Amino acid sequence: MTDYDSAKVAALHRELHNHLPSDPALRVKVLESLLVDKGMIDRKTIDSWVEVYAEEIGPKRGAHVVAKAWTDPAFKERLMQDAPKAIEELGYLGVATGHLHVVENTDDIHNLVVCTLCSCYPFSVLGIAPNWYKTAAYRSRVVRDPRGVLDEFGVEVSDDVEVRVWDSTAELRYLVLPQRPSGTDDMNEDELAKLVSRNSMIGTDRDLSKYINGAG
């Protein structure tokens, strides 16, 4: 009779589950397969859209806007005064950014963006909103306890820094202009853009100096 090793079976069970995609990923895969099988969509079309959002429309556009503001004072002034008009210069104006407002982080101010009603987001410069941005937990807690939420993101904001929370709507959306890290005077616009994280443009990241070594 074969010996039953419960510990070994449990280990095999965990190993098998570790190789399975998450439930949402499985549902998306099944839905995609059904639509492809019925001839309603082309798999190459889906791949193209994913690539466009990840590589073109995604946060790289926002990072470009931030890097240009860091290196071009005249552009920064236009961006702070009329963000839609400024980003239109770069070809990034979209439906969701028609009333974009840019808020700047300073030594004394940290800005944090939320949409308490749903998940309004400046898609044309930040791409697809992260899942946590759409959760009820983030939307409700960031208003009541912004410092607590920032702490969970690993962002330390001292007590003498004012935290401002901006509530997006369908008509008005926000982009945070993070502070340029010190020690980046010799970096060009492309190198600076690599330091700008998506979360820093939402406000759940602050100190971008930690990305300097990976920007070259």
Foldseek 3Di string as FASTA:
>chain_A
DDDDDPVVVVVVVVVVVVPDDDPVVVVVVVVVVVCVVVVNDDPVVVVVVVCCLVPPQAQLQVLLLLLCVVVPVVLVVCCQVQVLVSSVVVVQRDLLCNAEHEDEDDLAEFEAEAALPAQRASCSNHNDDDPVRGDNCCSPVCVVPVCVLLVVLVHDDDPRHHYHYHHDDSRYHYWYNADQAPPCPPPHSQLSSQLDDSNVRRRSYHHSPVCNVVSD
